[in-house]
N, C-alpha and C. Protein backbone atom coordinates (compact mmCIF):
# COMPACT_ATOMS: atom_id res chain seq x y z
N MET A 1 -22.60 32.28 -4.38
CA MET A 1 -22.77 31.46 -3.21
C MET A 1 -23.34 30.12 -3.78
N LYS A 2 -24.30 30.07 -4.69
CA LYS A 2 -24.86 28.88 -5.23
C LYS A 2 -23.76 27.92 -5.76
N ILE A 3 -22.87 28.61 -6.49
CA ILE A 3 -21.69 27.87 -7.15
C ILE A 3 -20.87 27.31 -6.09
N LEU A 4 -20.59 27.96 -5.09
CA LEU A 4 -19.78 27.41 -3.97
C LEU A 4 -20.42 26.22 -3.28
N LEU A 5 -21.67 26.38 -3.04
CA LEU A 5 -22.48 25.27 -2.44
C LEU A 5 -22.53 24.01 -3.26
N LEU A 6 -22.81 24.30 -4.62
CA LEU A 6 -22.88 23.23 -5.63
C LEU A 6 -21.47 22.53 -5.59
N SER A 7 -20.41 23.25 -5.64
CA SER A 7 -19.01 22.69 -5.62
C SER A 7 -18.73 21.82 -4.42
N ALA A 8 -19.20 22.30 -3.25
CA ALA A 8 -19.04 21.44 -1.99
C ALA A 8 -19.86 20.21 -2.05
N VAL A 9 -21.06 20.24 -2.61
CA VAL A 9 -21.89 19.10 -2.65
C VAL A 9 -21.26 18.06 -3.64
N VAL A 10 -20.88 18.58 -4.84
CA VAL A 10 -20.27 17.69 -5.86
C VAL A 10 -18.97 17.09 -5.25
N GLY A 11 -18.16 17.81 -4.55
CA GLY A 11 -16.89 17.34 -3.92
C GLY A 11 -17.28 16.20 -2.80
N LEU A 12 -18.36 16.49 -2.08
CA LEU A 12 -18.68 15.42 -1.06
C LEU A 12 -19.22 14.17 -1.78
N LEU A 13 -20.03 14.36 -2.85
CA LEU A 13 -20.53 13.19 -3.52
C LEU A 13 -19.34 12.45 -4.25
N TRP A 14 -18.37 13.11 -4.78
CA TRP A 14 -17.24 12.48 -5.36
C TRP A 14 -16.44 11.79 -4.32
N GLY A 15 -16.28 12.37 -3.12
CA GLY A 15 -15.61 11.65 -2.12
C GLY A 15 -16.37 10.34 -1.60
N LEU A 16 -17.62 10.45 -1.52
CA LEU A 16 -18.48 9.17 -1.20
C LEU A 16 -18.32 8.14 -2.34
N ARG A 17 -18.35 8.65 -3.56
CA ARG A 17 -18.21 7.67 -4.64
C ARG A 17 -16.92 7.01 -4.70
N VAL A 18 -15.84 7.75 -4.45
CA VAL A 18 -14.48 7.12 -4.45
C VAL A 18 -14.41 6.08 -3.34
N GLY A 19 -14.92 6.45 -2.15
CA GLY A 19 -14.77 5.50 -1.02
C GLY A 19 -15.70 4.25 -1.24
N ALA A 20 -16.78 4.31 -1.91
CA ALA A 20 -17.65 3.25 -2.06
C ALA A 20 -17.23 2.36 -3.20
N GLU A 21 -16.47 2.70 -4.10
CA GLU A 21 -16.25 1.86 -5.39
C GLU A 21 -14.93 1.15 -5.19
N ILE A 22 -14.15 1.09 -4.17
CA ILE A 22 -12.86 0.38 -4.03
C ILE A 22 -13.24 -1.08 -3.98
N GLY A 23 -12.86 -1.80 -4.97
CA GLY A 23 -13.17 -3.24 -5.01
C GLY A 23 -11.91 -3.97 -4.55
N THR A 24 -12.06 -5.26 -4.60
CA THR A 24 -10.98 -6.18 -4.23
C THR A 24 -10.82 -7.19 -5.33
N GLN A 25 -9.63 -7.89 -5.26
CA GLN A 25 -9.33 -8.87 -6.31
C GLN A 25 -10.45 -9.91 -6.17
N PRO A 26 -11.13 -10.26 -7.28
CA PRO A 26 -12.15 -11.32 -7.23
C PRO A 26 -11.51 -12.61 -6.77
N ASN A 27 -12.25 -13.34 -5.85
CA ASN A 27 -11.78 -14.63 -5.37
C ASN A 27 -10.34 -14.50 -4.72
N PHE A 28 -10.13 -13.55 -4.00
CA PHE A 28 -8.78 -13.35 -3.38
C PHE A 28 -8.38 -14.61 -2.68
N ASP A 29 -7.13 -15.00 -2.92
CA ASP A 29 -6.54 -16.21 -2.36
C ASP A 29 -5.38 -15.82 -1.51
N ALA A 30 -5.40 -15.79 -0.16
CA ALA A 30 -4.37 -15.37 0.66
C ALA A 30 -3.08 -16.21 0.54
N ASN A 31 -3.33 -17.49 0.28
CA ASN A 31 -2.20 -18.42 0.17
C ASN A 31 -1.36 -18.10 -1.07
N LYS A 32 -2.03 -17.81 -2.21
CA LYS A 32 -1.28 -17.36 -3.40
C LYS A 32 -0.54 -16.04 -3.17
N PHE A 33 -1.19 -15.17 -2.37
CA PHE A 33 -0.68 -13.85 -2.10
C PHE A 33 0.52 -13.94 -1.09
N SER A 34 0.66 -14.95 -0.32
CA SER A 34 1.77 -14.99 0.58
C SER A 34 3.10 -15.07 -0.06
N GLY A 35 4.11 -14.75 0.78
CA GLY A 35 5.54 -14.70 0.30
C GLY A 35 6.12 -13.38 0.34
N MET A 36 7.15 -13.23 -0.40
CA MET A 36 8.00 -11.95 -0.45
C MET A 36 7.55 -11.08 -1.61
N TRP A 37 7.35 -9.81 -1.19
CA TRP A 37 6.99 -8.78 -2.25
C TRP A 37 7.85 -7.59 -1.85
N ASN A 38 8.16 -6.84 -3.02
CA ASN A 38 8.80 -5.52 -2.92
C ASN A 38 7.85 -4.42 -3.17
N ILE A 39 7.87 -3.38 -2.35
CA ILE A 39 7.09 -2.22 -2.53
C ILE A 39 7.77 -1.23 -3.44
N ILE A 40 7.36 -1.14 -4.69
CA ILE A 40 8.13 -0.43 -5.66
C ILE A 40 7.64 0.86 -6.06
N VAL A 41 6.26 1.14 -5.95
CA VAL A 41 5.68 2.38 -6.28
C VAL A 41 4.63 2.73 -5.19
N MET A 42 4.61 3.93 -4.78
CA MET A 42 3.62 4.39 -3.80
C MET A 42 3.08 5.69 -4.17
N GLY A 43 1.82 5.94 -3.84
CA GLY A 43 1.23 7.26 -4.00
C GLY A 43 0.24 7.53 -2.93
N SER A 44 0.17 8.81 -2.60
CA SER A 44 -0.75 9.18 -1.46
C SER A 44 -0.99 10.66 -1.48
N ASN A 45 -2.07 11.09 -0.93
CA ASN A 45 -2.33 12.55 -0.66
C ASN A 45 -2.13 12.91 0.82
N ASP A 46 -1.47 11.94 1.54
CA ASP A 46 -1.15 12.18 2.94
C ASP A 46 0.02 13.21 2.92
N LYS A 47 -0.11 14.23 3.84
CA LYS A 47 0.92 15.23 3.87
C LYS A 47 2.24 14.75 4.35
N VAL A 48 2.28 13.75 5.28
CA VAL A 48 3.58 13.17 5.69
C VAL A 48 4.32 12.40 4.57
N PHE A 49 3.47 11.64 3.87
CA PHE A 49 4.08 10.91 2.68
C PHE A 49 4.54 11.90 1.72
N LEU A 50 3.75 12.87 1.36
CA LEU A 50 4.23 13.85 0.30
C LEU A 50 5.52 14.63 0.65
N SER A 51 5.67 14.89 2.01
CA SER A 51 6.89 15.53 2.43
C SER A 51 8.20 14.64 2.34
N LYS A 52 8.01 13.33 2.32
CA LYS A 52 9.12 12.39 2.42
C LYS A 52 9.26 11.47 1.19
N LYS A 53 8.28 11.58 0.21
CA LYS A 53 8.37 10.62 -0.87
C LYS A 53 9.55 10.66 -1.74
N ASP A 54 10.23 11.80 -1.83
CA ASP A 54 11.38 11.95 -2.70
C ASP A 54 12.62 11.26 -2.10
N SER A 55 12.61 11.01 -0.81
CA SER A 55 13.78 10.40 -0.15
C SER A 55 13.56 8.92 0.25
N MET A 56 12.38 8.41 -0.08
CA MET A 56 12.00 6.99 0.23
C MET A 56 12.62 6.02 -0.78
N LYS A 57 12.87 4.79 -0.24
CA LYS A 57 13.48 3.71 -1.09
C LYS A 57 12.59 2.55 -1.03
N MET A 58 12.86 1.55 -1.95
CA MET A 58 11.98 0.36 -2.00
C MET A 58 12.10 -0.39 -0.72
N ALA A 59 10.98 -0.93 -0.33
CA ALA A 59 10.86 -1.70 0.88
C ALA A 59 10.47 -3.18 0.56
N THR A 60 10.61 -3.96 1.51
CA THR A 60 10.24 -5.50 1.34
C THR A 60 9.17 -5.83 2.28
N ALA A 61 8.24 -6.69 1.77
CA ALA A 61 7.18 -7.15 2.73
C ALA A 61 7.12 -8.67 2.54
N MET A 62 7.04 -9.27 3.70
CA MET A 62 6.85 -10.78 3.85
C MET A 62 5.42 -11.10 4.32
N VAL A 63 4.61 -11.75 3.49
CA VAL A 63 3.24 -11.94 3.82
C VAL A 63 2.99 -13.39 4.22
N THR A 64 2.37 -13.52 5.34
CA THR A 64 2.05 -14.90 5.80
C THR A 64 0.59 -14.91 6.33
N PRO A 65 -0.17 -15.66 5.60
CA PRO A 65 -1.64 -15.75 5.96
C PRO A 65 -1.75 -16.51 7.37
N ALA A 66 -2.80 -16.05 8.20
CA ALA A 66 -3.01 -16.59 9.51
C ALA A 66 -4.30 -17.53 9.40
N SER A 67 -4.40 -18.49 10.16
CA SER A 67 -5.53 -19.44 10.08
C SER A 67 -6.88 -18.83 10.25
N ASN A 68 -7.03 -17.59 10.84
CA ASN A 68 -8.20 -16.92 11.08
C ASN A 68 -8.54 -15.93 9.89
N GLY A 69 -7.65 -15.88 8.83
CA GLY A 69 -8.07 -15.11 7.71
C GLY A 69 -7.29 -13.78 7.72
N ASP A 70 -6.60 -13.41 8.86
CA ASP A 70 -5.71 -12.25 8.83
C ASP A 70 -4.49 -12.44 8.11
N LEU A 71 -3.79 -11.33 7.75
CA LEU A 71 -2.49 -11.49 7.05
C LEU A 71 -1.44 -10.91 7.95
N ASN A 72 -0.42 -11.76 8.35
CA ASN A 72 0.74 -11.23 9.12
C ASN A 72 1.80 -10.70 8.11
N ILE A 73 2.09 -9.50 8.30
CA ILE A 73 3.01 -8.90 7.37
C ILE A 73 4.32 -8.36 8.10
N LYS A 74 5.40 -8.66 7.53
CA LYS A 74 6.69 -8.17 8.10
C LYS A 74 7.28 -7.30 7.11
N PHE A 75 7.50 -5.95 7.42
CA PHE A 75 8.04 -4.98 6.53
C PHE A 75 9.48 -4.77 6.80
N GLY A 76 10.27 -4.79 5.90
CA GLY A 76 11.66 -4.38 6.01
C GLY A 76 12.03 -3.21 5.17
N PHE A 77 12.66 -2.21 5.66
CA PHE A 77 13.06 -1.06 4.89
C PHE A 77 14.41 -0.37 5.40
N PRO A 78 15.02 0.44 4.55
CA PRO A 78 16.31 0.95 4.99
C PRO A 78 16.17 1.84 6.24
N ASN A 79 17.09 1.73 7.08
CA ASN A 79 17.26 2.50 8.27
C ASN A 79 18.12 3.68 7.98
N PRO A 80 17.82 4.95 8.43
CA PRO A 80 18.72 6.05 8.11
C PRO A 80 20.16 5.90 8.62
N LYS A 81 20.40 4.99 9.68
CA LYS A 81 21.72 4.75 10.16
C LYS A 81 22.51 3.68 9.38
N GLY A 82 21.74 3.21 8.29
CA GLY A 82 22.35 2.01 7.60
C GLY A 82 21.64 0.77 8.08
N GLY A 83 21.83 -0.34 7.34
CA GLY A 83 21.15 -1.54 7.73
C GLY A 83 19.69 -1.38 7.45
N CYS A 84 18.89 -2.22 8.15
CA CYS A 84 17.47 -2.19 7.94
C CYS A 84 16.58 -2.12 9.23
N GLN A 85 15.45 -1.81 9.07
CA GLN A 85 14.44 -1.75 10.15
C GLN A 85 13.32 -2.70 9.80
N ILE A 86 12.83 -3.43 10.75
CA ILE A 86 11.70 -4.39 10.50
C ILE A 86 10.56 -3.95 11.40
N ILE A 87 9.30 -3.94 10.86
CA ILE A 87 8.07 -3.62 11.51
C ILE A 87 7.18 -4.85 11.22
N ASP A 88 6.61 -5.38 12.29
CA ASP A 88 5.53 -6.41 12.20
C ASP A 88 4.16 -5.73 12.18
N SER A 89 3.30 -6.31 11.35
CA SER A 89 1.94 -5.75 11.21
C SER A 89 0.90 -6.94 11.08
N VAL A 90 -0.25 -6.66 11.44
CA VAL A 90 -1.37 -7.60 11.15
C VAL A 90 -2.39 -6.90 10.45
N PHE A 91 -2.74 -7.38 9.19
CA PHE A 91 -3.91 -6.93 8.50
C PHE A 91 -5.05 -7.75 8.93
N VAL A 92 -5.96 -7.18 9.64
CA VAL A 92 -7.15 -7.87 10.20
C VAL A 92 -8.13 -8.09 9.11
N LYS A 93 -8.73 -9.28 8.86
CA LYS A 93 -9.59 -9.60 7.78
C LYS A 93 -10.89 -8.74 7.94
N GLY A 94 -11.39 -8.35 6.78
CA GLY A 94 -12.67 -7.67 6.68
C GLY A 94 -13.80 -8.58 6.26
N ALA A 95 -14.93 -7.94 5.86
CA ALA A 95 -16.09 -8.77 5.53
C ALA A 95 -15.94 -9.49 4.26
N VAL A 96 -14.98 -9.11 3.35
CA VAL A 96 -14.90 -9.61 2.07
C VAL A 96 -13.42 -10.12 1.88
N PRO A 97 -13.22 -11.30 1.35
CA PRO A 97 -11.73 -11.64 1.08
C PRO A 97 -11.02 -10.61 0.32
N GLY A 98 -9.84 -10.32 0.78
CA GLY A 98 -9.05 -9.24 0.20
C GLY A 98 -9.21 -7.84 0.83
N GLN A 99 -10.14 -7.71 1.86
CA GLN A 99 -10.32 -6.50 2.50
C GLN A 99 -9.79 -6.74 3.95
N PHE A 100 -8.99 -5.64 4.46
CA PHE A 100 -8.40 -5.76 5.76
C PHE A 100 -8.40 -4.37 6.38
N SER A 101 -7.95 -4.32 7.67
CA SER A 101 -7.67 -3.10 8.38
C SER A 101 -6.44 -3.31 9.29
N ASP A 102 -5.85 -2.24 9.65
CA ASP A 102 -4.64 -2.24 10.53
C ASP A 102 -4.73 -1.05 11.49
N ALA A 103 -5.38 -1.25 12.70
CA ALA A 103 -5.55 -0.14 13.58
C ALA A 103 -4.24 0.44 14.09
N ASP A 104 -3.13 -0.41 14.19
CA ASP A 104 -1.83 0.09 14.67
C ASP A 104 -1.23 1.13 13.71
N PHE A 105 -1.55 1.02 12.40
CA PHE A 105 -0.99 2.00 11.50
C PHE A 105 -2.07 3.03 11.01
N ASN A 106 -3.27 3.05 11.76
CA ASN A 106 -4.30 4.03 11.42
C ASN A 106 -4.85 3.72 10.02
N GLN A 107 -4.83 2.51 9.51
CA GLN A 107 -5.29 2.17 8.26
C GLN A 107 -6.70 1.49 8.42
N LYS A 108 -7.77 2.24 8.19
CA LYS A 108 -9.08 1.92 8.33
C LYS A 108 -9.56 0.89 7.27
N LYS A 109 -9.10 1.04 6.16
CA LYS A 109 -9.42 0.14 5.02
C LYS A 109 -8.13 -0.19 4.18
N ILE A 110 -7.93 -1.50 4.03
CA ILE A 110 -6.90 -1.97 3.20
C ILE A 110 -7.60 -2.95 2.11
N HIS A 111 -7.41 -2.73 0.88
CA HIS A 111 -8.02 -3.63 -0.17
C HIS A 111 -6.84 -4.16 -0.99
N VAL A 112 -6.83 -5.41 -1.24
CA VAL A 112 -5.96 -5.88 -2.32
C VAL A 112 -6.80 -5.77 -3.61
N VAL A 113 -6.62 -4.65 -4.34
CA VAL A 113 -7.40 -4.23 -5.43
C VAL A 113 -7.27 -5.15 -6.55
N LYS A 114 -6.04 -5.49 -6.99
CA LYS A 114 -5.76 -6.28 -8.15
C LYS A 114 -4.38 -7.01 -7.96
N THR A 115 -4.40 -8.29 -8.29
CA THR A 115 -3.10 -9.02 -8.35
C THR A 115 -3.13 -10.17 -9.27
N ASP A 116 -1.96 -10.54 -9.80
CA ASP A 116 -1.89 -11.76 -10.57
C ASP A 116 -1.13 -12.84 -9.74
N TYR A 117 -0.83 -12.49 -8.51
CA TYR A 117 -0.15 -13.27 -7.55
C TYR A 117 1.35 -13.56 -7.88
N LYS A 118 1.67 -13.48 -9.17
CA LYS A 118 3.03 -13.87 -9.57
C LYS A 118 4.01 -12.64 -9.84
N ARG A 119 3.42 -11.49 -10.40
CA ARG A 119 4.23 -10.35 -10.72
C ARG A 119 3.90 -9.15 -10.01
N TYR A 120 2.60 -8.79 -9.74
CA TYR A 120 2.25 -7.62 -9.11
C TYR A 120 1.01 -7.64 -8.26
N ALA A 121 0.96 -6.73 -7.37
CA ALA A 121 -0.36 -6.53 -6.61
C ALA A 121 -0.51 -5.01 -6.34
N ILE A 122 -1.73 -4.55 -6.36
CA ILE A 122 -2.04 -3.16 -6.09
C ILE A 122 -2.88 -3.16 -4.79
N LEU A 123 -2.34 -2.43 -3.73
CA LEU A 123 -3.05 -2.30 -2.53
C LEU A 123 -3.49 -0.88 -2.31
N TYR A 124 -4.76 -0.77 -1.96
CA TYR A 124 -5.38 0.58 -1.59
C TYR A 124 -5.48 0.64 -0.03
N MET A 125 -5.13 1.77 0.55
CA MET A 125 -5.28 1.90 2.05
C MET A 125 -5.93 3.34 2.21
N GLN A 126 -6.83 3.30 3.16
CA GLN A 126 -7.39 4.62 3.62
C GLN A 126 -6.81 4.80 4.99
N VAL A 127 -6.02 5.93 5.10
CA VAL A 127 -5.25 6.18 6.29
C VAL A 127 -5.90 7.39 7.09
N GLU A 128 -6.00 7.31 8.34
CA GLU A 128 -6.44 8.50 9.14
C GLU A 128 -5.36 8.87 10.12
N ARG A 129 -4.94 10.11 9.96
CA ARG A 129 -3.91 10.78 10.77
C ARG A 129 -4.34 12.11 11.29
N ASP A 130 -4.37 12.25 12.58
CA ASP A 130 -4.71 13.58 13.21
C ASP A 130 -6.11 14.12 12.64
N GLY A 131 -7.05 13.10 12.54
CA GLY A 131 -8.38 13.42 12.12
C GLY A 131 -8.53 13.68 10.68
N VAL A 132 -7.46 13.51 9.81
CA VAL A 132 -7.56 13.75 8.39
C VAL A 132 -7.44 12.35 7.71
N THR A 133 -8.43 12.11 6.84
CA THR A 133 -8.36 10.88 6.06
C THR A 133 -7.80 10.95 4.69
N SER A 134 -6.82 10.13 4.38
CA SER A 134 -6.22 10.21 3.04
C SER A 134 -6.08 8.89 2.40
N ASN A 135 -5.84 8.89 1.08
CA ASN A 135 -5.72 7.63 0.37
C ASN A 135 -4.30 7.32 0.11
N MET A 136 -3.96 6.09 0.01
CA MET A 136 -2.66 5.55 -0.26
C MET A 136 -2.73 4.33 -1.21
N LEU A 137 -1.95 4.24 -2.27
CA LEU A 137 -1.80 3.15 -3.08
C LEU A 137 -0.29 2.56 -3.03
N GLN A 138 -0.24 1.38 -3.15
CA GLN A 138 1.16 0.65 -3.28
C GLN A 138 1.10 -0.30 -4.32
N LEU A 139 2.13 -0.36 -5.12
CA LEU A 139 2.34 -1.33 -6.17
C LEU A 139 3.48 -2.38 -5.64
N TYR A 140 3.09 -3.59 -5.43
CA TYR A 140 3.89 -4.64 -4.97
C TYR A 140 4.46 -5.39 -6.15
N SER A 141 5.72 -5.85 -6.12
CA SER A 141 6.26 -6.74 -7.22
C SER A 141 7.02 -7.88 -6.57
N ARG A 142 7.01 -9.05 -7.16
CA ARG A 142 7.74 -10.08 -6.62
C ARG A 142 9.24 -10.03 -6.86
N THR A 143 9.56 -9.10 -7.80
CA THR A 143 11.03 -8.76 -8.06
C THR A 143 11.27 -7.29 -7.72
N GLN A 144 12.50 -6.83 -7.90
CA GLN A 144 12.69 -5.36 -7.70
C GLN A 144 12.47 -4.64 -8.97
N ASP A 145 12.02 -5.27 -9.94
CA ASP A 145 11.64 -4.61 -11.24
C ASP A 145 10.22 -4.57 -11.37
N VAL A 146 9.73 -3.38 -12.05
CA VAL A 146 8.21 -3.17 -12.15
C VAL A 146 7.80 -4.00 -13.28
N SER A 147 6.54 -4.55 -12.98
CA SER A 147 5.87 -5.28 -14.07
C SER A 147 5.13 -4.28 -14.94
N PRO A 148 5.35 -4.30 -16.25
CA PRO A 148 4.69 -3.29 -17.13
C PRO A 148 3.08 -3.32 -16.90
N GLU A 149 2.59 -4.60 -16.79
CA GLU A 149 1.19 -4.74 -16.68
C GLU A 149 0.74 -4.19 -15.37
N GLY A 150 1.52 -4.42 -14.24
CA GLY A 150 1.11 -4.02 -13.02
C GLY A 150 1.19 -2.40 -12.98
N LEU A 151 2.23 -1.85 -13.58
CA LEU A 151 2.38 -0.37 -13.57
C LEU A 151 1.26 0.25 -14.31
N LYS A 152 0.85 -0.29 -15.39
CA LYS A 152 -0.29 0.27 -16.13
C LYS A 152 -1.60 0.21 -15.35
N LYS A 153 -1.85 -0.90 -14.78
CA LYS A 153 -3.10 -1.00 -13.93
C LYS A 153 -3.04 -0.01 -12.83
N PHE A 154 -1.81 0.06 -12.13
CA PHE A 154 -1.68 1.11 -11.13
C PHE A 154 -1.95 2.48 -11.50
N LYS A 155 -1.35 2.87 -12.77
CA LYS A 155 -1.61 4.22 -13.24
C LYS A 155 -3.08 4.42 -13.63
N ASP A 156 -3.68 3.45 -14.18
CA ASP A 156 -5.06 3.53 -14.59
C ASP A 156 -6.02 3.71 -13.35
N PHE A 157 -5.57 3.12 -12.21
CA PHE A 157 -6.36 3.09 -11.04
C PHE A 157 -6.32 4.35 -10.13
N TYR A 158 -5.11 4.86 -10.00
CA TYR A 158 -4.94 5.89 -8.95
C TYR A 158 -5.77 7.11 -9.15
N PRO A 159 -6.15 7.56 -10.38
CA PRO A 159 -7.00 8.78 -10.49
C PRO A 159 -8.45 8.40 -9.91
N THR A 160 -8.81 7.20 -9.87
CA THR A 160 -10.12 6.89 -9.34
C THR A 160 -10.21 7.08 -7.84
N VAL A 161 -9.11 7.23 -7.10
CA VAL A 161 -9.14 7.46 -5.72
C VAL A 161 -8.64 8.83 -5.44
N GLY A 162 -8.69 9.72 -6.46
CA GLY A 162 -8.38 11.13 -6.23
C GLY A 162 -6.78 11.46 -6.13
N LEU A 163 -5.95 10.57 -6.62
CA LEU A 163 -4.46 10.78 -6.67
C LEU A 163 -4.03 11.25 -8.03
N ARG A 164 -2.96 11.98 -8.01
CA ARG A 164 -2.41 12.58 -9.22
C ARG A 164 -0.97 12.12 -9.41
N ASP A 165 -0.36 12.38 -10.62
CA ASP A 165 0.96 11.98 -10.90
C ASP A 165 1.97 12.58 -9.93
N ASP A 166 1.77 13.86 -9.47
CA ASP A 166 2.73 14.48 -8.57
C ASP A 166 2.66 13.88 -7.15
N MET A 167 1.74 12.96 -6.91
CA MET A 167 1.61 12.37 -5.60
C MET A 167 2.17 10.87 -5.58
N MET A 168 2.80 10.57 -6.65
CA MET A 168 3.40 9.24 -6.85
C MET A 168 4.93 9.23 -6.62
N ALA A 169 5.40 8.06 -6.22
CA ALA A 169 6.86 7.90 -6.03
C ALA A 169 7.29 6.54 -6.57
N MET A 170 8.08 6.45 -7.57
CA MET A 170 8.69 5.21 -8.03
C MET A 170 9.92 5.09 -7.14
N LEU A 171 9.92 4.13 -6.29
CA LEU A 171 10.92 3.98 -5.27
C LEU A 171 12.21 3.31 -5.85
N PRO A 172 13.37 3.90 -5.67
CA PRO A 172 14.60 3.38 -6.14
C PRO A 172 14.86 2.08 -5.51
N LYS A 173 15.58 1.10 -6.25
CA LYS A 173 15.90 -0.11 -5.79
C LYS A 173 16.77 -0.10 -4.63
N SER A 174 16.61 -0.93 -3.60
CA SER A 174 17.37 -0.97 -2.39
C SER A 174 17.01 -2.35 -1.83
N GLY A 175 17.95 -2.77 -0.95
CA GLY A 175 17.68 -4.08 -0.25
C GLY A 175 18.10 -5.24 -1.08
N PRO A 176 17.43 -6.44 -0.86
CA PRO A 176 16.35 -6.66 -0.20
C PRO A 176 16.41 -6.50 1.39
N TRP A 177 15.36 -6.07 2.01
CA TRP A 177 15.46 -5.76 3.37
C TRP A 177 14.97 -6.83 4.26
N LEU A 178 14.65 -8.06 3.80
CA LEU A 178 14.28 -9.20 4.51
C LEU A 178 14.90 -10.45 3.83
N ASN A 179 15.38 -11.38 4.64
CA ASN A 179 15.81 -12.58 4.04
C ASN A 179 14.63 -13.51 3.99
N PRO A 180 14.69 -14.71 3.44
CA PRO A 180 13.59 -15.73 3.37
C PRO A 180 13.06 -16.06 4.81
N ASP A 181 13.90 -15.91 5.87
CA ASP A 181 13.32 -16.27 7.10
C ASP A 181 12.57 -15.04 7.81
N GLY A 182 12.59 -13.88 7.10
CA GLY A 182 11.98 -12.69 7.58
C GLY A 182 12.80 -11.86 8.56
N ASP A 183 14.14 -12.18 8.52
CA ASP A 183 15.03 -11.38 9.30
C ASP A 183 15.83 -10.39 8.47
N CYS A 184 16.30 -9.37 9.20
CA CYS A 184 17.07 -8.39 8.44
C CYS A 184 18.40 -8.95 7.98
N PRO A 185 18.73 -8.84 6.73
CA PRO A 185 20.02 -9.39 6.26
C PRO A 185 21.32 -8.51 6.57
N PHE A 186 21.01 -7.29 6.94
CA PHE A 186 22.02 -6.35 7.24
C PHE A 186 21.92 -5.81 8.59
N PRO A 187 22.94 -5.97 9.44
CA PRO A 187 22.87 -5.45 10.83
C PRO A 187 22.84 -3.89 10.74
N VAL A 188 22.23 -3.27 11.78
CA VAL A 188 22.19 -1.74 11.77
C VAL A 188 23.57 -1.35 12.19
N ARG A 189 24.14 -0.42 11.52
CA ARG A 189 25.41 0.21 11.94
C ARG A 189 25.17 1.26 12.97
N SER A 190 26.13 1.35 13.95
CA SER A 190 25.91 2.35 14.98
C SER A 190 26.64 3.66 14.66
C-alpha cells in the first residue's frame, strides 16, 4: 500500500513539474514568427490523436499577428473527399510573449517553445477533451522538409512532457494546403 501511495505522489509531482517547466522562446517575436509554416511532426498522448496519427498528413499554417498580441492562424489540411479544408483559429495571447490559448480547440496552454523563425518552430499545447488533459507537440517547418536541428530539439524536448516515440507521427508530405493569400489552392471534389 505504501508503494502504491508513493507511486501516486511521485506521479502527481512529476505531472506538476512537467506542467510548470514549459518555457517559451526567449524574446518571442510574433512578426518574425508570422507567415507560412508546414506542420511536419506531431506527438501527443491524446487518445483521438493516437487513434488517427498513422493516417494523418502534413498540414499548412498561415500565421498573422494581430495588433493586440494574439495570433490569427489559418490551418489548411487534406480533406477526406479530396482538396483541402481550412480552419481559422485565434491563439489568444497569454501573460508572457510566446504563450497563448485557444478555447475553441480546448487548448488551455499553447507555448512557442523554441524557434529560429527561419527553419523550425516547436509548439507545445495542453489540450482538454472530455475532462482529460493531454499534451501535444508540433514541429513546424518553413518548407516541407524537416530541419535536422529542429527535429533534434523536438526529440530532445518531447520526453520532458511525458511523450514517447510511439506517440509521434512524422507526417507524410502533402499539399501545400494554403496559397499565399490563405486560400485553398485545390477545390473540394464532390
